Structures are given as C-alpha cells and as structure tokens.
Amino acid sequence: MATLTYVYADQTAVLGPLSTYAEPHAYDLCAFHSERLSAPRGWEVVRLALGNQQSGPSEDDLLALADAVREAGRPAPVVEPPREAGREVARRGHLRVLTSD
C-alpha cells in the first residue's frame, strides 16, 4: 500500500509510504495499483522507498483498540441535575424566569 500526492506546480506525482493521517488531496493505493501507476504526459513520478511496511495493525494499534473498547464498556457516571433555587413564574421558549426564595 502507498499514498499518492501531487505537486501541481512541479507537475510531479509523489508515491510514498502509506500516510498515517487523512489529507483531502492524497489517495491511498493498493500494491497492485501503486506498482502500475503512470502520470500524465509531461509529469514526473517520484517513487519514495516504501520500506518494509506491516500488513496489518501494529501492537500499538491493537492496544489502542482494546483501551477504546474497555472505555466504551464502562458505565457512564451518574450526574445529578442542578437543584433549582426558586419556582418558575414565566417561560419564554427554552428560558425560564425563577423567583428567589
């Protein structure tokens, strides 16, 4: 897998390691398509070393996922609504007028 980006000013397509975050003008390509990539006439393709990329999640990814699942499984804390001081004498939309006691 690789990420494809363009440098329009230089008429260059850059194919490099898979990006770790999403960008609006970057495209992730599978190995099949990254090997067969061609650019428009007059453009240059720069292929950065892809290195030995893992095929699958890393240990850090799995630990982060496990932590997220644990956090989602915890019961939400009970929050008591604030006590009102006074009684309602008027209402306008979602606003209330209270008297002080």
PDB file of N, CA and C in Angstrom:
ATOM      1  N   MET A   1       0.839  -1.172   0.000  1.00  0.00           N
ATOM      2  CA  MET A   1       0.000   0.000   0.000  1.00  0.00           C
ATOM      3  C   MET A   1       0.886   1.238   0.000  1.00  0.00           C
ATOM      4  N   ALA A   2       0.386   2.287  -0.630  1.00  0.00           N
ATOM      5  CA  ALA A   2       1.145   3.530  -0.734  1.00  0.00           C
ATOM      6  C   ALA A   2       0.167   4.694  -0.806  1.00  0.00           C
ATOM      7  N   THR A   3       0.677   5.901  -0.564  1.00  0.00           N
ATOM      8  CA  THR A   3      -0.132   7.109  -0.662  1.00  0.00           C
ATOM      9  C   THR A   3       0.393   7.946  -1.822  1.00  0.00           C
ATOM     10  N   LEU A   4      -0.528   8.401  -2.657  1.00  0.00           N
ATOM     11  CA  LEU A   4      -0.208   9.207  -3.820  1.00  0.00           C
ATOM     12  C   LEU A   4      -0.604  10.655  -3.549  1.00  0.00           C
ATOM     13  N   THR A   5       0.330  11.577  -3.758  1.00  0.00           N
ATOM     14  CA  THR A   5       0.051  13.009  -3.664  1.00  0.00           C
ATOM     15  C   THR A   5       0.598  13.682  -4.914  1.00  0.00           C
ATOM     16  N   TYR A   6       0.104  14.886  -5.170  1.00  0.00           N
ATOM     17  CA  TYR A   6       0.519  15.634  -6.354  1.00  0.00           C
ATOM     18  C   TYR A   6       1.141  16.957  -5.950  1.00  0.00           C
ATOM     19  N   VAL A   7       2.164  17.375  -6.720  1.00  0.00           N
ATOM     20  CA  VAL A   7       2.727  18.719  -6.605  1.00  0.00           C
ATOM     21  C   VAL A   7       2.447  19.360  -7.961  1.00  0.00           C
ATOM     22  N   TYR A   8       1.324  20.054  -8.045  1.00  0.00           N
ATOM     23  CA  TYR A   8       0.884  20.596  -9.332  1.00  0.00           C
ATOM     24  C   TYR A   8       1.869  21.607  -9.905  1.00  0.00           C
ATOM     25  N   ALA A   9       2.467  22.429  -9.067  1.00  0.00           N
ATOM     26  CA  ALA A   9       3.394  23.453  -9.543  1.00  0.00           C
ATOM     27  C   ALA A   9       4.600  22.828 -10.252  1.00  0.00           C
ATOM     28  N   ASP A  10       5.038  21.665  -9.802  1.00  0.00           N
ATOM     29  CA  ASP A  10       6.192  20.988 -10.400  1.00  0.00           C
ATOM     30  C   ASP A  10       5.791  19.893 -11.378  1.00  0.00           C
ATOM     31  N   GLN A  11       4.501  19.697 -11.581  1.00  0.00           N
ATOM     32  CA  GLN A  11       3.977  18.615 -12.415  1.00  0.00           C
ATOM     33  C   GLN A  11       4.594  17.281 -12.005  1.00  0.00           C
ATOM     34  N   THR A  12       4.450  16.982 -10.707  1.00  0.00           N
ATOM     35  CA  THR A  12       5.051  15.779 -10.133  1.00  0.00           C
ATOM     36  C   THR A  12       4.014  15.015  -9.331  1.00  0.00           C
ATOM     37  N   ALA A  13       3.992  13.706  -9.516  1.00  0.00           N
ATOM     38  CA  ALA A  13       3.187  12.810  -8.696  1.00  0.00           C
ATOM     39  C   ALA A  13       4.150  12.095  -7.751  1.00  0.00           C
ATOM     40  N   VAL A  14       3.857  12.112  -6.467  1.00  0.00           N
ATOM     41  CA  VAL A  14       4.733  11.500  -5.469  1.00  0.00           C
ATOM     42  C   VAL A  14       4.031  10.292  -4.882  1.00  0.00           C
ATOM     43  N   LEU A  15       4.675   9.148  -4.962  1.00  0.00           N
ATOM     44  CA  LEU A  15       4.154   7.903  -4.419  1.00  0.00           C
ATOM     45  C   LEU A  15       5.059   7.499  -3.269  1.00  0.00           C
ATOM     46  N   GLY A  16       4.523   7.490  -2.061  1.00  0.00           N
ATOM     47  CA  GLY A  16       5.340   7.204  -0.889  1.00  0.00           C
ATOM     48  C   GLY A  16       4.654   6.261   0.068  1.00  0.00           C
ATOM     49  N   PRO A  17       5.234   6.099   1.260  1.00  0.00           N
ATOM     50  CA  PRO A  17       4.651   5.210   2.275  1.00  0.00           C
ATOM     51  C   PRO A  17       3.226   5.630   2.624  1.00  0.00           C
ATOM     52  N   LEU A  18       2.452   4.694   3.081  1.00  0.00           N
ATOM     53  CA  LEU A  18       1.067   4.935   3.457  1.00  0.00           C
ATOM     54  C   LEU A  18       0.994   6.023   4.522  1.00  0.00           C
ATOM     55  N   SER A  19       0.186   7.018   4.285  1.00  0.00           N
ATOM     56  CA  SER A  19       0.061   8.149   5.202  1.00  0.00           C
ATOM     57  C   SER A  19      -0.624   7.714   6.499  1.00  0.00           C
ATOM     58  N   THR A  20      -0.227   8.338   7.594  1.00  0.00           N
ATOM     59  CA  THR A  20      -0.818   7.999   8.890  1.00  0.00           C
ATOM     60  C   THR A  20      -2.037   8.854   9.213  1.00  0.00           C
ATOM     61  N   TYR A  21      -2.292   9.890   8.406  1.00  0.00           N
ATOM     62  CA  TYR A  21      -3.484  10.722   8.614  1.00  0.00           C
ATOM     63  C   TYR A  21      -4.066  11.106   7.265  1.00  0.00           C
ATOM     64  N   ALA A  22      -5.343  11.422   7.253  1.00  0.00           N
ATOM     65  CA  ALA A  22      -6.048  11.718   6.011  1.00  0.00           C
ATOM     66  C   ALA A  22      -5.802  13.154   5.564  1.00  0.00           C
ATOM     67  N   GLU A  23      -5.577  13.322   4.295  1.00  0.00           N
ATOM     68  CA  GLU A  23      -5.458  14.641   3.681  1.00  0.00           C
ATOM     69  C   GLU A  23      -6.430  14.687   2.521  1.00  0.00           C
ATOM     70  N   PRO A  24      -6.980  15.861   2.241  1.00  0.00           N
ATOM     71  CA  PRO A  24      -8.006  15.933   1.197  1.00  0.00           C
ATOM     72  C   PRO A  24      -7.507  15.582  -0.205  1.00  0.00           C
ATOM     73  N   HIS A  25      -6.240  15.822  -0.521  1.00  0.00           N
ATOM     74  CA  HIS A  25      -5.754  15.567  -1.877  1.00  0.00           C
ATOM     75  C   HIS A  25      -4.710  14.462  -1.915  1.00  0.00           C
ATOM     76  N   ALA A  26      -4.818  13.506  -1.024  1.00  0.00           N
ATOM     77  CA  ALA A  26      -3.936  12.342  -1.005  1.00  0.00           C
ATOM     78  C   ALA A  26      -4.799  11.107  -1.247  1.00  0.00           C
ATOM     79  N   TYR A  27      -4.247  10.157  -1.972  1.00  0.00           N
ATOM     80  CA  TYR A  27      -5.005   8.964  -2.338  1.00  0.00           C
ATOM     81  C   TYR A  27      -4.219   7.730  -1.932  1.00  0.00           C
ATOM     82  N   ASP A  28      -4.843   6.842  -1.181  1.00  0.00           N
ATOM     83  CA  ASP A  28      -4.204   5.592  -0.789  1.00  0.00           C
ATOM     84  C   ASP A  28      -4.429   4.563  -1.892  1.00  0.00           C
ATOM     85  N   LEU A  29      -3.362   3.896  -2.283  1.00  0.00           N
ATOM     86  CA  LEU A  29      -3.427   2.907  -3.351  1.00  0.00           C
ATOM     87  C   LEU A  29      -2.986   1.545  -2.839  1.00  0.00           C
ATOM     88  N   CYS A  30      -3.609   0.503  -3.359  1.00  0.00           N
ATOM     89  CA  CYS A  30      -3.178  -0.856  -3.025  1.00  0.00           C
ATOM     90  C   CYS A  30      -1.871  -1.142  -3.767  1.00  0.00           C
ATOM     91  N   ALA A  31      -1.229  -2.252  -3.419  1.00  0.00           N
ATOM     92  CA  ALA A  31       0.050  -2.604  -4.024  1.00  0.00           C
ATOM     93  C   ALA A  31      -0.088  -2.778  -5.540  1.00  0.00           C
ATOM     94  N   PHE A  32      -1.160  -3.382  -5.994  1.00  0.00           N
ATOM     95  CA  PHE A  32      -1.382  -3.615  -7.419  1.00  0.00           C
ATOM     96  C   PHE A  32      -1.369  -2.299  -8.189  1.00  0.00           C
ATOM     97  N   HIS A  33      -2.137  -1.322  -7.717  1.00  0.00           N
ATOM     98  CA  HIS A  33      -2.238  -0.054  -8.436  1.00  0.00           C
ATOM     99  C   HIS A  33      -1.015   0.845  -8.227  1.00  0.00           C
ATOM    100  N   SER A  34      -0.375   0.778  -7.072  1.00  0.00           N
ATOM    101  CA  SER A  34       0.808   1.615  -6.866  1.00  0.00           C
ATOM    102  C   SER A  34       1.976   1.171  -7.742  1.00  0.00           C
ATOM    103  N   GLU A  35       2.061  -0.123  -8.049  1.00  0.00           N
ATOM    104  CA  GLU A  35       3.122  -0.614  -8.934  1.00  0.00           C
ATOM    105  C   GLU A  35       2.884  -0.217 -10.387  1.00  0.00           C
ATOM    106  N   ARG A  36       1.646  -0.044 -10.775  1.00  0.00           N
ATOM    107  CA  ARG A  36       1.302   0.238 -12.171  1.00  0.00           C
ATOM    108  C   ARG A  36       0.943   1.701 -12.422  1.00  0.00           C
ATOM    109  N   LEU A  37       1.247   2.563 -11.482  1.00  0.00           N
ATOM    110  CA  LEU A  37       0.880   3.976 -11.592  1.00  0.00           C
ATOM    111  C   LEU A  37       1.624   4.657 -12.731  1.00  0.00           C
ATOM    112  N   SER A  38       0.901   5.437 -13.493  1.00  0.00           N
ATOM    113  CA  SER A  38       1.528   6.290 -14.503  1.00  0.00           C
ATOM    114  C   SER A  38       0.949   7.696 -14.337  1.00  0.00           C
ATOM    115  N   ALA A  39       1.704   8.682 -14.818  1.00  0.00           N
ATOM    116  CA  ALA A  39       1.275  10.083 -14.671  1.00  0.00           C
ATOM    117  C   ALA A  39       0.973  10.648 -16.054  1.00  0.00           C
ATOM    118  N   PRO A  40       0.287  11.769 -16.110  1.00  0.00           N
ATOM    119  CA  PRO A  40       0.006  12.395 -17.406  1.00  0.00           C
ATOM    120  C   PRO A  40       1.299  12.773 -18.142  1.00  0.00           C
ATOM    121  N   ARG A  41       1.191  12.934 -19.444  1.00  0.00           N
ATOM    122  CA  ARG A  41       2.349  13.300 -20.273  1.00  0.00           C
ATOM    123  C   ARG A  41       2.933  14.616 -19.773  1.00  0.00           C
ATOM    124  N   GLY A  42       4.250  14.640 -19.602  1.00  0.00           N
ATOM    125  CA  GLY A  42       4.928  15.835 -19.115  1.00  0.00           C
ATOM    126  C   GLY A  42       5.117  15.842 -17.603  1.00  0.00           C
ATOM    127  N   TRP A  43       4.491  14.921 -16.918  1.00  0.00           N
ATOM    128  CA  TRP A  43       4.616  14.834 -15.468  1.00  0.00           C
ATOM    129  C   TRP A  43       5.692  13.819 -15.107  1.00  0.00           C
ATOM    130  N   GLU A  44       6.265  13.999 -13.931  1.00  0.00           N
ATOM    131  CA  GLU A  44       7.267  13.069 -13.406  1.00  0.00           C
ATOM    132  C   GLU A  44       6.660  12.312 -12.227  1.00  0.00           C
ATOM    133  N   VAL A  45       6.987  11.024 -12.106  1.00  0.00           N
ATOM    134  CA  VAL A  45       6.547  10.225 -10.957  1.00  0.00           C
ATOM    135  C   VAL A  45       7.749   9.996 -10.058  1.00  0.00           C
ATOM    136  N   VAL A  46       7.655  10.431  -8.811  1.00  0.00           N
ATOM    137  CA  VAL A  46       8.710  10.208  -7.819  1.00  0.00           C
ATOM    138  C   VAL A  46       8.227   9.092  -6.906  1.00  0.00           C
ATOM    139  N   ARG A  47       8.983   8.014  -6.868  1.00  0.00           N
ATOM    140  CA  ARG A  47       8.617   6.868  -6.025  1.00  0.00           C
ATOM    141  C   ARG A  47       9.562   6.837  -4.828  1.00  0.00           C
ATOM    142  N   LEU A  48       9.034   7.152  -3.665  1.00  0.00           N
ATOM    143  CA  LEU A  48       9.823   7.104  -2.432  1.00  0.00           C
ATOM    144  C   LEU A  48       9.891   5.662  -1.958  1.00  0.00           C
ATOM    145  N   ALA A  49      10.948   5.323  -1.254  1.00  0.00           N
ATOM    146  CA  ALA A  49      11.109   3.959  -0.742  1.00  0.00           C
ATOM    147  C   ALA A  49       9.971   3.649   0.219  1.00  0.00           C
ATOM    148  N   LEU A  50       9.267   2.565  -0.064  1.00  0.00           N
ATOM    149  CA  LEU A  50       8.148   2.168   0.787  1.00  0.00           C
ATOM    150  C   LEU A  50       8.614   1.389   1.996  1.00  0.00           C
ATOM    151  N   GLY A  51       9.805   0.826   1.964  1.00  0.00           N
ATOM    152  CA  GLY A  51      10.337   0.096   3.116  1.00  0.00           C
ATOM    153  C   GLY A  51       9.561  -1.172   3.380  1.00  0.00           C
ATOM    154  N   ASN A  52       9.788  -1.710   4.542  1.00  0.00           N
ATOM    155  CA  ASN A  52       9.086  -2.923   4.956  1.00  0.00           C
ATOM    156  C   ASN A  52       7.874  -2.537   5.771  1.00  0.00           C
ATOM    157  N   GLN A  53       6.790  -2.322   5.083  1.00  0.00           N
ATOM    158  CA  GLN A  53       5.573  -1.945   5.790  1.00  0.00           C
ATOM    159  C   GLN A  53       4.877  -3.195   6.305  1.00  0.00           C
ATOM    160  N   GLN A  54       4.245  -3.028   7.451  1.00  0.00           N
ATOM    161  CA  GLN A  54       3.489  -4.131   8.021  1.00  0.00           C
ATOM    162  C   GLN A  54       2.198  -4.301   7.250  1.00  0.00           C
ATOM    163  N   SER A  55       1.756  -5.525   7.134  1.00  0.00           N
ATOM    164  CA  SER A  55       0.449  -5.756   6.527  1.00  0.00           C
ATOM    165  C   SER A  55      -0.515  -6.090   7.662  1.00  0.00           C
ATOM    166  N   GLY A  56      -1.057  -5.087   8.263  1.00  0.00           N
ATOM    167  CA  GLY A  56      -1.989  -5.278   9.359  1.00  0.00           C
ATOM    168  C   GLY A  56      -1.691  -4.310  10.485  1.00  0.00           C
ATOM    169  N   PRO A  57      -2.505  -4.348  11.510  1.00  0.00           N
ATOM    170  CA  PRO A  57      -2.328  -3.410  12.615  1.00  0.00           C
ATOM    171  C   PRO A  57      -1.088  -3.727  13.444  1.00  0.00           C
ATOM    172  N   SER A  58      -0.482  -2.674  13.986  1.00  0.00           N
ATOM    173  CA  SER A  58       0.677  -2.856  14.851  1.00  0.00           C
ATOM    174  C   SER A  58       0.199  -3.185  16.262  1.00  0.00           C
ATOM    175  N   GLU A  59       1.138  -3.493  17.132  1.00  0.00           N
ATOM    176  CA  GLU A  59       0.789  -3.791  18.525  1.00  0.00           C
ATOM    177  C   GLU A  59       0.170  -2.563  19.187  1.00  0.00           C
ATOM    178  N   ASP A  60       0.682  -1.368  18.856  1.00  0.00           N
ATOM    179  CA  ASP A  60       0.118  -0.127  19.405  1.00  0.00           C
ATOM    180  C   ASP A  60      -1.324   0.071  18.956  1.00  0.00           C
ATOM    181  N   ASP A  61      -1.619  -0.260  17.690  1.00  0.00           N
ATOM    182  CA  ASP A  61      -2.981  -0.139  17.188  1.00  0.00           C
ATOM    183  C   ASP A  61      -3.929  -1.054  17.960  1.00  0.00           C
ATOM    184  N   LEU A  62      -3.480  -2.276  18.204  1.00  0.00           N
ATOM    185  CA  LEU A  62      -4.328  -3.236  18.917  1.00  0.00           C
ATOM    186  C   LEU A  62      -4.556  -2.818  20.368  1.00  0.00           C
ATOM    187  N   LEU A  63      -3.505  -2.275  21.012  1.00  0.00           N
ATOM    188  CA  LEU A  63      -3.664  -1.808  22.395  1.00  0.00           C
ATOM    189  C   LEU A  63      -4.617  -0.612  22.456  1.00  0.00           C
ATOM    190  N   ALA A  64      -4.508   0.301  21.496  1.00  0.00           N
ATOM    191  CA  ALA A  64      -5.411   1.458  21.465  1.00  0.00           C
ATOM    192  C   ALA A  64      -6.850   1.005  21.257  1.00  0.00           C
ATOM    193  N   LEU A  65      -7.057   0.025  20.395  1.00  0.00           N
ATOM    194  CA  LEU A  65      -8.397  -0.505  20.169  1.00  0.00           C
ATOM    195  C   LEU A  65      -8.949  -1.172  21.425  1.00  0.00           C
ATOM    196  N   ALA A  66      -8.125  -1.947  22.121  1.00  0.00           N
ATOM    197  CA  ALA A  66      -8.559  -2.595  23.360  1.00  0.00           C
ATOM    198  C   ALA A  66      -8.920  -1.561  24.425  1.00  0.00           C
ATOM    199  N   ASP A  67      -8.117  -0.496  24.540  1.00  0.00           N
ATOM    200  CA  ASP A  67      -8.431   0.568  25.500  1.00  0.00           C
ATOM    201  C   ASP A  67      -9.749   1.258  25.160  1.00  0.00           C
ATOM    202  N   ALA A  68      -9.997   1.495  23.882  1.00  0.00           N
ATOM    203  CA  ALA A  68     -11.243   2.143  23.457  1.00  0.00           C
ATOM    204  C   ALA A  68     -12.448   1.267  23.773  1.00  0.00           C
ATOM    205  N   VAL A  69     -12.310  -0.045  23.564  1.00  0.00           N
ATOM    206  CA  VAL A  69     -13.415  -0.961  23.857  1.00  0.00           C
ATOM    207  C   VAL A  69     -13.681  -0.997  25.362  1.00  0.00           C
ATOM    208  N   ARG A  70     -12.611  -1.030  26.168  1.00  0.00           N
ATOM    209  CA  ARG A  70     -12.784  -1.014  27.619  1.00  0.00           C
ATOM    210  C   ARG A  70     -13.492   0.263  28.076  1.00  0.00           C
ATOM    211  N   GLU A  71     -13.066   1.395  27.524  1.00  0.00           N
ATOM    212  CA  GLU A  71     -13.657   2.682  27.899  1.00  0.00           C
ATOM    213  C   GLU A  71     -15.139   2.732  27.518  1.00  0.00           C
ATOM    214  N   ALA A  72     -15.480   2.199  26.349  1.00  0.00           N
ATOM    215  CA  ALA A  72     -16.879   2.203  25.909  1.00  0.00           C
ATOM    216  C   ALA A  72     -17.740   1.295  26.774  1.00  0.00           C
ATOM    217  N   GLY A  73     -17.140   0.257  27.366  1.00  0.00           N
ATOM    218  CA  GLY A  73     -17.894  -0.677  28.187  1.00  0.00           C
ATOM    219  C   GLY A  73     -18.137  -0.203  29.608  1.00  0.00           C
ATOM    220  N   ARG A  74     -17.448   0.837  30.021  1.00  0.00           N
ATOM    221  CA  ARG A  74     -17.638   1.359  31.378  1.00  0.00           C
ATOM    222  C   ARG A  74     -18.969   2.088  31.478  1.00  0.00           C
ATOM    223  N   PRO A  75     -19.662   1.936  32.612  1.00  0.00           N
ATOM    224  CA  PRO A  75     -20.920   2.672  32.763  1.00  0.00           C
ATOM    225  C   PRO A  75     -20.650   4.172  32.871  1.00  0.00           C
ATOM    226  N   ALA A  76     -21.551   4.937  32.323  1.00  0.00           N
ATOM    227  CA  ALA A  76     -21.416   6.396  32.369  1.00  0.00           C
ATOM    228  C   ALA A  76     -21.646   6.877  33.797  1.00  0.00           C
ATOM    229  N   PRO A  77     -20.894   7.887  34.240  1.00  0.00           N
ATOM    230  CA  PRO A  77     -21.097   8.403  35.589  1.00  0.00           C
ATOM    231  C   PRO A  77     -22.478   9.048  35.713  1.00  0.00           C
ATOM    232  N   VAL A  78     -23.079   8.871  36.889  1.00  0.00           N
ATOM    233  CA  VAL A  78     -24.397   9.452  37.140  1.00  0.00           C
ATOM    234  C   VAL A  78     -24.210  10.902  37.552  1.00  0.00           C
ATOM    235  N   VAL A  79     -24.830  11.788  36.805  1.00  0.00           N
ATOM    236  CA  VAL A  79     -24.735  13.209  37.096  1.00  0.00           C
ATOM    237  C   VAL A  79     -26.117  13.692  37.518  1.00  0.00           C
ATOM    238  N   GLU A  80     -26.182  14.227  38.722  1.00  0.00           N
ATOM    239  CA  GLU A  80     -27.461  14.737  39.198  1.00  0.00           C
ATOM    240  C   GLU A  80     -27.712  16.115  38.621  1.00  0.00           C
ATOM    241  N   PRO A  81     -28.957  16.372  38.204  1.00  0.00           N
ATOM    242  CA  PRO A  81     -29.255  17.705  37.681  1.00  0.00           C
ATOM    243  C   PRO A  81     -29.131  18.756  38.785  1.00  0.00           C
ATOM    244  N   PRO A  82     -28.742  19.969  38.433  1.00  0.00           N
ATOM    245  CA  PRO A  82     -28.604  21.001  39.462  1.00  0.00           C
ATOM    246  C   PRO A  82     -29.954  21.320  40.099  1.00  0.00           C
ATOM    247  N   ARG A  83     -29.902  21.617  41.388  1.00  0.00           N
ATOM    248  CA  ARG A  83     -31.142  21.943  42.099  1.00  0.00           C
ATOM    249  C   ARG A  83     -31.524  23.382  41.797  1.00  0.00           C
ATOM    250  N   GLU A  84     -32.789  23.585  41.580  1.00  0.00           N
ATOM    251  CA  GLU A  84     -33.268  24.924  41.277  1.00  0.00           C
ATOM    252  C   GLU A  84     -33.584  25.668  42.562  1.00  0.00           C
ATOM    253  N   ALA A  85     -33.172  26.901  42.602  1.00  0.00           N
ATOM    254  CA  ALA A  85     -33.487  27.748  43.753  1.00  0.00           C
ATOM    255  C   ALA A  85     -34.622  28.673  43.332  1.00  0.00           C
ATOM    256  N   GLY A  86     -35.797  28.389  43.762  1.00  0.00           N
ATOM    257  CA  GLY A  86     -36.946  29.224  43.424  1.00  0.00           C
ATOM    258  C   GLY A  86     -37.959  28.447  42.614  1.00  0.00           C
ATOM    259  N   ARG A  87     -39.040  29.153  42.259  1.00  0.00           N
ATOM    260  CA  ARG A  87     -40.064  28.490  41.462  1.00  0.00           C
ATOM    261  C   ARG A  87     -40.257  29.260  40.174  1.00  0.00           C
ATOM    262  N   GLU A  88     -40.697  28.532  39.172  1.00  0.00           N
ATOM    263  CA  GLU A  88     -40.867  29.116  37.848  1.00  0.00           C
ATOM    264  C   GLU A  88     -42.097  30.015  37.817  1.00  0.00           C
ATOM    265  N   VAL A  89     -41.922  31.232  37.331  1.00  0.00           N
ATOM    266  CA  VAL A  89     -43.056  32.161  37.239  1.00  0.00           C
ATOM    267  C   VAL A  89     -43.376  32.522  35.793  1.00  0.00           C
ATOM    268  N   ALA A  90     -42.459  32.322  34.885  1.00  0.00           N
ATOM    269  CA  ALA A  90     -42.720  32.605  33.479  1.00  0.00           C
ATOM    270  C   ALA A  90     -41.772  31.772  32.613  1.00  0.00           C
ATOM    271  N   ARG A  91     -42.161  31.617  31.353  1.00  0.00           N
ATOM    272  CA  ARG A  91     -41.350  30.843  30.421  1.00  0.00           C
ATOM    273  C   ARG A  91     -41.421  31.516  29.052  1.00  0.00           C
ATOM    274  N   ARG A  92     -40.288  31.588  28.398  1.00  0.00           N
ATOM    275  CA  ARG A  92     -40.229  32.125  27.048  1.00  0.00           C
ATOM    276  C   ARG A  92     -39.284  31.226  26.254  1.00  0.00           C
ATOM    277  N   GLY A  93     -39.865  30.345  25.419  1.00  0.00           N
ATOM    278  CA  GLY A  93     -39.063  29.374  24.678  1.00  0.00           C
ATOM    279  C   GLY A  93     -38.412  28.400  25.652  1.00  0.00           C
ATOM    280  N   HIS A  94     -37.127  28.281  25.577  1.00  0.00           N
ATOM    281  CA  HIS A  94     -36.396  27.378  26.474  1.00  0.00           C
ATOM    282  C   HIS A  94     -35.900  28.081  27.732  1.00  0.00           C
ATOM    283  N   LEU A  95     -36.179  29.390  27.865  1.00  0.00           N
ATOM    284  CA  LEU A  95     -35.738  30.152  29.030  1.00  0.00           C
ATOM    285  C   LEU A  95     -36.843  30.190  30.077  1.00  0.00           C
ATOM    286  N   ARG A  96     -36.435  30.168  31.348  1.00  0.00           N
ATOM    287  CA  ARG A  96     -37.417  30.226  32.444  1.00  0.00           C
ATOM    288  C   ARG A  96     -37.060  31.349  33.382  1.00  0.00           C
ATOM    289  N   VAL A  97     -38.080  32.003  33.927  1.00  0.00           N
ATOM    290  CA  VAL A  97     -37.882  33.022  34.949  1.00  0.00           C
ATOM    291  C   VAL A  97     -38.225  32.395  36.283  1.00  0.00           C
ATOM    292  N   LEU A  98     -37.261  32.458  37.232  1.00  0.00           N
ATOM    293  CA  LEU A  98     -37.453  31.874  38.555  1.00  0.00           C
ATOM    294  C   LEU A  98     -37.464  32.966  39.602  1.00  0.00           C
ATOM    295  N   THR A  99     -38.235  32.730  40.655  1.00  0.00           N
ATOM    296  CA  THR A  99     -38.211  33.657  41.775  1.00  0.00           C
ATOM    297  C   THR A  99     -37.185  33.162  42.773  1.00  0.00           C
ATOM    298  N   SER A 100     -36.581  34.065  43.480  1.00  0.00           N
ATOM    299  CA  SER A 100     -35.624  33.637  44.503  1.00  0.00           C
ATOM    300  C   SER A 100     -36.384  33.434  45.803  1.00  0.00           C
ATOM    301  N   ASP A 101     -36.093  32.361  46.462  1.00  0.00           N
ATOM    302  CA  ASP A 101     -36.780  32.032  47.737  1.00  0.00           C
ATOM    303  C   ASP A 101     -35.892  32.305  48.913  1.00  0.00           C
TER     304      ASP A 101
END
